[in-house]
Protein backbone atom coordinates (compact mmCIF):
# COMPACT_ATOMS: atom_id res chain seq x y z
CA MET A 1 -0.02 0.24 -0.16
CA LYS A 2 1.63 3.51 -1.19
CA ALA A 3 -0.09 6.43 0.42
CA HIS A 4 1.17 9.72 -1.01
CA ASP A 5 -0.13 12.68 0.72
CA GLY A 6 1.41 15.59 -1.55
CA PHE A 7 1.99 17.20 -4.51
CA TYR A 8 5.68 18.06 -6.10
CA ILE A 9 5.79 21.70 -6.26
CA ASP A 10 8.62 24.26 -6.57
CA GLY A 11 11.21 21.31 -6.11
CA ALA A 12 9.66 19.87 -2.75
CA TRP A 13 6.87 17.37 -1.57
CA HIS A 14 4.07 19.60 -0.11
CA PRO A 15 1.25 18.12 1.99
CA ALA A 16 -2.14 18.72 0.22
CA PRO A 17 -4.56 21.16 1.96
CA GLY A 18 -7.50 19.16 1.11
CA ARG A 19 -8.63 15.50 2.77
CA ASP A 20 -10.00 14.12 -0.49
CA THR A 21 -8.03 11.12 -1.93
CA ILE A 22 -8.04 9.02 -4.89
CA ASP A 23 -7.92 4.91 -4.42
CA VAL A 24 -5.56 3.32 -6.89
CA VAL A 25 -6.59 -0.11 -7.77
CA ASN A 26 -4.81 -3.13 -9.05
CA PRO A 27 -7.22 -4.08 -12.04
CA ALA A 28 -6.00 -7.80 -11.74
CA ASP A 29 -7.38 -8.52 -8.48
CA GLU A 30 -9.34 -5.21 -7.62
CA GLN A 31 -7.39 -4.56 -4.51
CA VAL A 32 -6.64 -0.88 -3.51
CA ILE A 33 -2.82 -0.70 -3.63
CA GLY A 34 -2.29 3.11 -2.83
CA LEU A 35 -4.00 6.40 -2.61
CA VAL A 36 -2.93 9.73 -3.92
CA PRO A 37 -4.42 13.32 -2.88
CA ALA A 38 -7.22 14.87 -5.12
CA GLY A 39 -5.88 18.04 -6.31
CA THR A 40 -8.12 21.23 -6.42
CA ALA A 41 -8.06 24.44 -8.55
CA GLU A 42 -5.92 25.97 -5.45
CA ASP A 43 -3.13 23.62 -5.94
CA VAL A 44 -2.89 23.63 -9.55
CA ASP A 45 -2.72 27.46 -9.13
CA ALA A 46 0.26 26.85 -6.60
CA ALA A 47 1.85 24.51 -9.04
CA VAL A 48 1.43 27.24 -11.87
CA ARG A 49 2.77 30.00 -9.95
CA ALA A 50 5.99 27.87 -9.57
CA ALA A 51 6.35 26.88 -12.92
CA ARG A 52 6.03 30.63 -13.98
CA SER A 53 8.57 31.52 -11.26
CA ALA A 54 11.11 29.36 -12.75
CA LEU A 55 10.30 29.86 -16.44
CA THR A 56 12.91 32.66 -16.71
CA GLY A 57 15.72 30.99 -15.33
CA TRP A 58 15.44 27.69 -17.10
CA ALA A 59 14.63 29.23 -20.54
CA ALA A 60 17.94 31.26 -20.10
CA THR A 61 19.80 28.04 -19.30
CA PRO A 62 22.13 27.04 -22.17
CA PRO A 63 21.03 24.14 -23.90
CA ALA A 64 23.94 22.30 -22.98
CA GLU A 65 23.09 22.40 -19.63
CA ARG A 66 19.44 21.48 -20.01
CA ALA A 67 20.63 18.50 -21.95
CA GLU A 68 22.65 17.35 -19.02
CA ARG A 69 19.56 17.38 -16.76
CA LEU A 70 17.96 15.32 -19.20
CA ALA A 71 20.66 12.91 -19.59
CA ALA A 72 20.80 12.57 -15.78
CA LEU A 73 16.76 12.11 -15.91
CA ARG A 74 17.52 9.13 -18.09
CA ASP A 75 20.35 7.67 -15.95
CA VAL A 76 17.94 8.06 -12.77
CA LEU A 77 15.14 6.20 -14.72
CA THR A 78 17.57 3.56 -15.79
CA ALA A 79 18.53 2.97 -12.44
CA ARG A 80 15.00 2.42 -11.16
CA LYS A 81 13.60 0.44 -14.17
CA ASP A 82 12.55 -2.38 -12.23
CA GLU A 83 10.55 -0.13 -9.76
CA ILE A 84 9.15 1.28 -13.05
CA ALA A 85 7.81 -1.76 -14.23
CA GLU A 86 6.57 -3.03 -10.92
CA THR A 87 4.69 0.00 -10.52
CA VAL A 88 3.21 0.11 -14.00
CA THR A 89 2.30 -3.60 -13.26
CA ALA A 90 0.52 -2.96 -10.00
CA GLU A 91 -1.47 0.04 -11.07
CA LEU A 92 -2.14 -0.61 -14.84
CA GLY A 93 -2.17 -4.54 -14.69
CA SER A 94 0.15 -5.04 -17.88
CA PRO A 95 2.20 -8.36 -17.50
CA LEU A 96 5.45 -7.62 -15.78
CA ALA A 97 7.55 -8.53 -19.10
CA PHE A 98 5.74 -6.04 -21.21
CA SER A 99 6.04 -3.69 -18.27
CA GLN A 100 9.96 -4.31 -18.21
CA ALA A 101 10.13 -4.26 -22.27
CA VAL A 102 7.92 -1.48 -23.01
CA HIS A 103 6.51 0.87 -20.16
CA ALA A 104 10.09 1.06 -18.70
CA SER A 105 12.34 0.78 -21.56
CA VAL A 106 10.76 3.14 -24.10
CA PRO A 107 10.46 6.19 -22.00
CA ILE A 108 13.99 5.76 -20.66
CA ALA A 109 15.03 5.92 -24.60
CA VAL A 110 12.64 8.81 -25.44
CA ALA A 111 14.34 10.64 -22.51
CA GLY A 112 17.85 9.88 -23.80
CA SER A 113 16.67 11.31 -27.38
CA TYR A 114 15.73 14.59 -25.94
CA ALA A 115 18.99 14.94 -24.10
CA ASP A 116 20.93 14.62 -27.38
CA LEU A 117 18.49 16.74 -29.14
CA ALA A 118 18.59 19.47 -26.59
CA ALA A 119 22.42 19.81 -27.02
CA THR A 120 22.41 19.87 -30.80
CA TYR A 121 19.07 21.36 -31.89
CA ALA A 122 19.60 24.38 -33.88
CA PHE A 123 17.87 27.15 -31.88
CA GLU A 124 19.00 29.89 -34.05
CA GLU A 125 19.57 29.92 -37.61
CA LYS A 126 20.14 32.24 -40.27
CA VAL A 127 17.35 33.03 -42.89
CA GLY A 128 18.57 35.21 -45.52
CA ASN A 129 18.97 38.81 -43.79
CA SER A 130 17.24 37.42 -40.64
CA THR A 131 18.22 35.59 -37.54
CA VAL A 132 15.31 33.07 -36.64
CA LEU A 133 15.25 32.08 -33.24
CA HIS A 134 13.34 29.21 -31.75
CA GLU A 135 12.22 30.01 -28.11
CA PRO A 136 10.29 28.26 -25.37
CA ILE A 137 6.76 28.91 -25.51
CA GLY A 138 6.41 29.06 -21.79
CA VAL A 139 4.54 27.29 -18.95
CA VAL A 140 3.16 23.84 -20.28
CA GLY A 141 0.13 22.01 -18.65
CA ALA A 142 0.75 18.28 -19.36
CA ILE A 143 -2.19 15.84 -19.11
CA THR A 144 -1.60 12.37 -19.68
CA PRO A 145 -3.52 9.09 -20.06
CA TRP A 146 -3.35 5.91 -17.98
CA ASN A 147 -2.80 3.57 -20.70
CA TYR A 148 1.29 4.22 -21.30
CA PRO A 149 1.66 5.99 -17.65
CA LEU A 150 5.26 6.63 -17.87
CA HIS A 151 5.86 6.81 -21.69
CA GLN A 152 3.35 9.68 -22.09
CA ILE A 153 4.64 11.71 -19.22
CA VAL A 154 8.17 11.39 -20.93
CA ALA A 155 7.04 12.06 -24.23
CA LYS A 156 5.67 15.51 -23.11
CA VAL A 157 7.84 16.65 -20.34
CA ALA A 158 11.23 15.73 -21.90
CA PRO A 159 10.99 17.92 -24.86
CA ALA A 160 9.36 20.53 -23.00
CA LEU A 161 12.01 20.89 -20.82
CA ALA A 162 14.66 20.49 -23.68
CA ALA A 163 12.91 23.52 -24.99
CA GLY A 164 13.20 25.44 -22.16
CA CYS A 165 9.69 25.40 -20.86
CA THR A 166 8.53 24.61 -17.54
CA VAL A 167 5.73 22.03 -16.68
CA VAL A 168 2.77 21.37 -14.60
CA LEU A 169 1.67 17.48 -14.97
CA LYS A 170 -1.58 16.06 -14.14
CA PRO A 171 -1.53 12.42 -14.52
CA ALA A 172 -4.46 9.85 -14.88
CA GLU A 173 -6.21 9.17 -11.87
CA ASP A 174 -6.09 5.12 -12.37
CA THR A 175 -2.17 5.23 -12.83
CA PRO A 176 -0.87 8.31 -10.49
CA LEU A 177 1.78 5.99 -8.72
CA THR A 178 4.15 5.94 -11.88
CA ALA A 179 3.73 9.75 -11.87
CA GLN A 180 4.76 10.08 -8.35
CA LEU A 181 7.96 7.78 -9.01
CA PHE A 182 8.63 10.32 -11.99
CA ALA A 183 8.64 13.45 -9.80
CA GLU A 184 11.13 11.17 -7.56
CA ALA A 185 13.32 10.74 -10.36
CA VAL A 186 13.25 14.62 -11.55
CA HIS A 187 14.26 15.47 -8.27
CA GLU A 188 17.01 13.02 -7.98
CA ALA A 189 18.43 14.20 -11.63
CA GLY A 190 18.65 17.94 -10.32
CA VAL A 191 16.19 19.87 -12.20
CA PRO A 192 15.80 23.30 -10.62
CA ALA A 193 13.08 23.96 -8.51
CA GLY A 194 9.71 24.90 -10.17
CA VAL A 195 10.75 23.39 -13.57
CA PHE A 196 8.54 20.44 -13.00
CA ASN A 197 5.38 20.21 -11.02
CA LEU A 198 2.98 17.45 -10.25
CA VAL A 199 -0.47 17.72 -9.04
CA THR A 200 -2.52 14.54 -8.73
CA GLY A 201 -6.34 14.74 -9.32
CA LEU A 202 -9.43 14.16 -11.10
CA GLY A 203 -9.59 15.48 -14.93
CA GLY A 204 -12.58 17.32 -14.40
CA VAL A 205 -11.26 19.23 -11.44
CA ALA A 206 -7.44 19.59 -11.32
CA GLY A 207 -7.49 18.80 -15.33
CA GLN A 208 -9.96 21.44 -15.97
CA ALA A 209 -8.26 23.78 -13.88
CA LEU A 210 -4.93 23.42 -15.63
CA VAL A 211 -6.68 23.99 -18.99
CA GLU A 212 -8.44 27.15 -17.89
CA HIS A 213 -5.32 28.82 -15.95
CA PRO A 214 -4.32 31.79 -17.52
CA GLY A 215 -0.78 31.14 -16.66
CA VAL A 216 -0.65 28.22 -18.92
CA ASP A 217 0.71 28.89 -22.45
CA LEU A 218 0.22 25.38 -23.78
CA VAL A 219 -1.69 22.53 -23.08
CA SER A 220 -0.51 18.94 -24.35
CA PHE A 221 -3.30 16.29 -23.78
CA THR A 222 -3.43 12.82 -24.62
CA GLY A 223 -6.85 10.98 -24.60
CA SER A 224 -10.29 10.47 -26.02
CA THR A 225 -11.29 12.82 -28.86
CA ALA A 226 -14.50 13.90 -26.87
CA VAL A 227 -12.09 15.40 -24.13
CA GLY A 228 -9.72 16.78 -26.60
CA ARG A 229 -12.28 18.78 -28.40
CA GLN A 230 -13.55 20.24 -25.00
CA ILE A 231 -10.07 21.16 -24.25
CA ALA A 232 -9.56 22.68 -27.60
CA ALA A 233 -12.63 24.75 -27.18
CA THR A 234 -11.53 26.23 -23.75
CA ALA A 235 -8.14 26.81 -24.94
CA GLY A 236 -9.33 28.57 -28.21
CA ALA A 237 -11.11 30.84 -26.32
CA ALA A 238 -8.13 32.19 -24.47
CA VAL A 239 -6.10 31.69 -27.79
CA LYS A 240 -3.67 29.26 -26.09
CA LYS A 241 -1.88 26.60 -27.94
CA VAL A 242 -2.83 23.00 -27.69
CA ALA A 243 -0.91 19.77 -28.79
CA LEU A 244 -3.63 16.98 -28.90
CA GLU A 245 -2.87 13.18 -29.41
CA LEU A 246 -6.27 11.57 -29.60
CA GLY A 247 -8.18 8.21 -30.54
CA GLY A 248 -7.62 5.97 -33.24
CA LYS A 249 -9.23 3.11 -35.57
CA SER A 250 -6.07 2.17 -37.23
CA ALA A 251 -6.36 -0.03 -40.45
CA ASN A 252 -3.99 -3.02 -40.93
CA VAL A 253 -4.05 -3.59 -44.74
CA ILE A 254 -2.83 -6.78 -45.78
CA LEU A 255 -2.19 -7.08 -49.58
CA PRO A 256 -2.36 -10.09 -51.82
CA SER A 257 1.32 -10.25 -52.15
CA ALA A 258 1.81 -10.17 -48.44
CA ASP A 259 3.10 -13.02 -46.24
CA LEU A 260 -0.28 -13.77 -45.02
CA ALA A 261 0.45 -15.95 -42.14
CA LYS A 262 3.11 -13.29 -40.54
CA ALA A 263 0.83 -10.38 -41.38
CA VAL A 264 -2.09 -11.73 -39.50
CA ASN A 265 0.09 -13.28 -36.67
CA VAL A 266 1.93 -9.89 -35.84
CA GLY A 267 -1.57 -8.18 -36.52
CA VAL A 268 -3.19 -9.78 -33.87
CA ALA A 269 -0.22 -9.41 -31.57
CA ASN A 270 -0.51 -5.73 -32.18
CA VAL A 271 -4.04 -5.26 -31.26
CA MET A 272 -3.77 -7.81 -28.06
CA SER A 273 -0.81 -5.76 -26.73
CA ASN A 274 -1.29 -3.92 -23.52
CA SER A 275 -4.47 -5.66 -23.53
CA GLY A 276 -5.81 -3.45 -26.51
CA GLN A 277 -5.55 0.02 -24.49
CA THR A 278 -3.21 1.53 -27.36
CA CYS A 279 -4.68 4.29 -29.29
CA SER A 280 -2.58 3.56 -32.49
CA ALA A 281 -3.50 -0.46 -32.28
CA TRP A 282 -4.37 -1.76 -35.74
CA THR A 283 -7.82 -2.84 -34.94
CA ARG A 284 -9.35 -3.11 -38.41
CA MET A 285 -7.66 -5.98 -40.32
CA LEU A 286 -8.27 -5.09 -44.14
CA VAL A 287 -7.95 -8.46 -46.28
CA HIS A 288 -8.67 -9.27 -49.70
CA THR A 289 -11.54 -11.67 -50.61
CA SER A 290 -9.55 -14.18 -51.90
CA GLN A 291 -7.74 -14.92 -48.84
CA TYR A 292 -10.46 -13.80 -46.24
CA ASP A 293 -11.43 -17.00 -44.79
CA GLU A 294 -7.79 -18.14 -44.39
CA ALA A 295 -6.95 -15.08 -42.58
CA VAL A 296 -9.83 -15.43 -40.28
CA ALA A 297 -8.84 -18.71 -39.22
CA LEU A 298 -5.35 -17.83 -38.67
CA ALA A 299 -6.37 -14.63 -36.48
CA SER A 300 -8.72 -16.80 -34.34
CA ALA A 301 -6.22 -19.25 -33.69
CA ALA A 302 -3.60 -16.69 -32.96
CA ALA A 303 -5.99 -14.93 -30.44
CA ALA A 304 -6.43 -17.88 -28.58
CA LYS A 305 -2.85 -18.22 -27.63
CA TYR A 306 -3.39 -14.75 -25.89
CA GLY A 307 -6.05 -15.88 -23.43
CA GLU A 308 -3.56 -16.25 -20.43
CA ARG A 309 -0.95 -13.95 -21.49
CA ILE A 310 -2.61 -10.47 -21.70
CA GLY A 311 -3.43 -8.44 -18.42
CA PRO A 312 -6.67 -6.83 -17.81
CA VAL A 313 -8.13 -3.41 -18.78
CA VAL A 314 -7.60 -0.88 -16.41
CA ASN A 315 -10.81 -0.58 -14.63
CA ALA A 316 -14.30 -1.94 -14.20
CA ARG A 317 -15.97 0.93 -16.46
CA GLN A 318 -13.25 0.14 -19.19
CA ARG A 319 -14.26 -3.75 -19.09
CA GLU A 320 -17.97 -2.86 -19.16
CA ARG A 321 -17.38 -0.52 -22.26
CA VAL A 322 -15.39 -3.23 -23.96
CA CYS A 323 -17.97 -5.83 -23.46
CA GLY A 324 -20.57 -3.33 -24.62
CA TYR A 325 -19.11 -2.98 -28.02
CA ILE A 326 -18.85 -6.65 -28.39
CA ASP A 327 -22.44 -7.09 -27.70
CA GLN A 328 -23.04 -4.23 -30.13
CA GLY A 329 -21.10 -6.15 -32.66
CA VAL A 330 -22.91 -9.05 -32.67
CA ALA A 331 -26.33 -7.07 -32.65
CA GLU A 332 -25.17 -5.56 -35.82
CA GLY A 333 -24.43 -8.89 -37.51
CA ALA A 334 -20.90 -9.33 -37.04
CA ARG A 335 -19.49 -12.94 -35.97
CA VAL A 336 -17.37 -13.86 -33.10
CA VAL A 337 -14.65 -16.23 -34.29
CA ALA A 338 -12.77 -15.88 -30.72
CA GLY A 339 -13.21 -14.53 -27.25
CA GLY A 340 -16.53 -12.76 -26.37
CA THR A 341 -18.00 -11.07 -23.15
CA GLU A 342 -17.40 -13.84 -20.76
CA SER A 343 -14.52 -13.09 -18.44
CA PRO A 344 -11.47 -15.60 -18.64
CA ARG A 345 -11.04 -14.95 -14.94
CA GLU A 346 -13.04 -14.78 -11.82
CA GLN A 347 -11.40 -11.99 -10.32
CA GLY A 348 -9.91 -8.62 -12.05
CA TYR A 349 -11.13 -6.70 -15.14
CA PHE A 350 -10.10 -9.27 -17.66
CA VAL A 351 -11.43 -9.31 -21.35
CA SER A 352 -11.28 -12.37 -23.77
CA PRO A 353 -9.21 -11.56 -26.79
CA THR A 354 -11.76 -11.20 -29.29
CA VAL A 355 -11.68 -11.45 -32.86
CA PHE A 356 -14.78 -10.45 -35.08
CA ALA A 357 -15.39 -11.81 -38.64
CA ASP A 358 -18.01 -10.48 -41.45
CA VAL A 359 -17.43 -7.06 -40.16
CA THR A 360 -18.61 -4.34 -42.53
CA PRO A 361 -17.10 -0.79 -42.81
CA GLU A 362 -20.39 0.86 -41.43
CA MET A 363 -20.54 -1.41 -38.21
CA THR A 364 -19.96 0.55 -34.92
CA ILE A 365 -16.85 -1.86 -34.19
CA ALA A 366 -15.48 -0.84 -37.17
CA GLN A 367 -15.97 2.94 -36.67
CA GLU A 368 -15.48 3.82 -32.94
CA GLU A 369 -12.36 3.24 -30.82
CA ILE A 370 -13.07 0.30 -28.46
CA PHE A 371 -9.54 0.50 -26.47
CA GLY A 372 -9.63 -3.30 -25.32
CA PRO A 373 -8.38 -6.57 -26.96
CA VAL A 374 -10.71 -6.56 -29.98
CA LEU A 375 -10.06 -7.23 -33.54
CA SER A 376 -12.43 -6.70 -36.61
CA ILE A 377 -11.54 -8.27 -39.78
CA LEU A 378 -13.12 -6.65 -42.94
CA ARG A 379 -12.90 -7.84 -46.44
CA TYR A 380 -11.92 -5.59 -49.85
CA GLU A 381 -12.16 -6.28 -53.27
CA ASP A 382 -9.26 -4.35 -54.44
CA GLU A 383 -6.94 -1.67 -53.55
CA ASP A 384 -9.22 1.23 -54.24
CA ASP A 385 -11.79 -0.61 -52.07
CA ALA A 386 -9.18 -1.23 -49.33
CA LEU A 387 -8.32 2.57 -49.43
CA ARG A 388 -11.91 3.45 -49.26
CA ILE A 389 -12.14 1.50 -46.10
CA ALA A 390 -8.91 2.22 -44.59
CA ASN A 391 -9.58 5.73 -44.90
CA GLY A 392 -13.42 5.70 -44.14
CA THR A 393 -13.17 6.55 -40.38
CA VAL A 394 -13.01 9.89 -38.59
CA TYR A 395 -9.51 8.98 -37.11
CA GLY A 396 -6.07 9.04 -38.84
CA LEU A 397 -3.40 8.10 -36.03
CA ALA A 398 -1.53 4.98 -37.59
CA GLY A 399 -1.79 1.98 -39.77
CA ALA A 400 0.12 -0.69 -41.36
CA VAL A 401 0.32 -2.35 -44.97
CA TRP A 402 1.88 -5.48 -45.96
CA GLY A 403 3.02 -6.86 -49.29
CA ASP A 404 5.41 -6.21 -51.93
CA GLU A 405 7.42 -3.24 -50.80
CA THR A 406 6.98 -1.12 -53.51
CA GLU A 407 3.16 -1.67 -53.53
CA ALA A 408 2.93 -1.45 -49.89
CA VAL A 409 4.76 2.05 -49.95
CA ALA A 410 2.49 3.17 -52.81
CA PHE A 411 -0.51 2.28 -50.81
CA ALA A 412 0.83 3.75 -47.40
CA ARG A 413 1.25 7.26 -49.15
CA ARG A 414 -2.18 7.23 -49.97
CA MET A 415 -3.44 6.49 -46.65
CA GLU A 416 -4.68 9.32 -44.59
CA THR A 417 -2.93 8.73 -41.21
CA GLY A 418 0.10 10.00 -39.21
CA GLN A 419 2.07 6.89 -39.05
CA VAL A 420 2.31 3.85 -41.26
CA ASP A 421 4.44 0.79 -40.46
CA ILE A 422 5.28 -1.18 -43.58
CA ASN A 423 5.80 -5.00 -43.29
CA GLY A 424 6.37 -4.60 -39.58
CA GLY A 425 8.72 -1.56 -39.44
CA ARG A 426 10.13 -1.33 -36.10
CA PHE A 427 9.13 1.72 -33.70
CA ASN A 428 11.49 4.48 -34.05
CA PRO A 429 11.44 6.98 -30.76
CA LEU A 430 12.93 9.89 -33.38
CA ALA A 431 9.84 9.68 -35.81
CA PRO A 432 7.03 11.98 -35.32
CA PHE A 433 3.82 10.62 -34.18
CA GLY A 434 0.32 12.14 -34.12
CA GLY A 435 -2.76 12.06 -36.13
CA TYR A 436 -4.65 13.07 -39.13
CA LYS A 437 -8.48 14.25 -38.82
CA GLN A 438 -9.52 13.70 -35.56
CA SER A 439 -6.97 11.72 -34.01
CA GLY A 440 -5.46 14.90 -33.07
CA VAL A 441 -3.49 18.14 -33.64
CA GLY A 442 0.49 18.49 -33.34
CA ARG A 443 3.44 15.61 -33.60
CA GLU A 444 5.38 13.96 -30.53
CA LEU A 445 8.62 12.65 -30.40
CA GLY A 446 12.01 13.56 -32.24
CA THR A 447 12.28 17.16 -33.59
CA HIS A 448 8.61 17.42 -34.30
CA GLY A 449 7.82 16.81 -30.86
CA LEU A 450 10.56 19.34 -29.77
CA ALA A 451 9.16 22.22 -32.12
CA GLU A 452 5.20 21.84 -30.31
CA TYR A 453 7.05 23.54 -27.28
CA LEU A 454 8.93 26.38 -29.25
CA GLN A 455 7.66 29.67 -30.57
CA THR A 456 9.50 31.59 -33.50
CA LYS A 457 11.02 35.03 -33.53
CA SER A 458 12.79 36.77 -36.42
CA LEU A 459 15.46 39.68 -35.98
CA GLN A 460 15.90 41.51 -39.42
CA PHE A 461 19.47 42.91 -40.06
């Protein structure tokens, strides 16, 4: 049981003035494993004031020195890698091996990439008779989700610090223990007081206060498209910049020239990873009609192997949501070939790895983000039909294409989405990540992620 009674503000832990707390529940056994304070608008105000006070000094800190603090942060996270993995497993339910390989390791790589970028990025450049300056945008309000708790924090905080911004973080209420651990790492890394601040709390209270606060210059949010719209509307009224990484309904397009078995097996693994709680998951598998039945059989067999290998979804509400989509898929005429709504375990918020066949593009399960271990397999007649289906949602976050490389690249170029993996291309922490359409505004990771936290000034000579 980990009980935290304070917020990290201005370089120190301060007891929460209020008495309201948030229970942290292990979704695998439904036991309360921690408590954190529920922050108020007043707590957020204290954090923002600390960030504003620290802004001038941190913005003026040479990039090389900012790079040193980020490198130190990377080293602290590396030293605490096992603790990070155990914490994520406890509050998210992720299997420990996945927590070690992804939840702990990827943020370390991202933090390291921004240590390198802070030292090498051209914060000034000559353009004709002008000197163009890339300056920190100011105080950043970062609101992060629960599905990749540390990665989403690092993907916002690291580029913000590299840019010279200061940050107030409001993490998801389901996974605040990882955020507490991160704040400890920031302190241990020697980041100056006020540069990073943490307030735990509910989205409708602490999160809303952060978005509305006049001392916040940019709001970076990852979460649902519905909440993203609300944040954009509120920020727009104040002419405040937003960076939004929102929902997805990504297509995994398998061309006839692909290695069908490999494409299907990797596709199923992608959807079941993190119990399906990945915004960029390839939740729609598109297969040519001539290979459809074989693909369905392969996917069904592959999904069955994940029954004891994936963790639970994050909470009871999410399990109900996912099972509701499964019921709706059946009601609309799709055929369950693996899984279903029956829980595979007596305790915990587990959902059986589920595969639907006979899915048509207009069905709800083919249009809306489910955020659980649910795959829909759709058939197409030719490439134009496949492209119509792939682009036929309001989302455009990620996707995949399998087949002859020339054909696959040509198809990927026509997809309306922010990132496409060709024949199982590996994750690249330097490549920009973000969406088209209602999947968001802006980019994360690499130089494009750093640019989100900069504003531009030109000096003419």
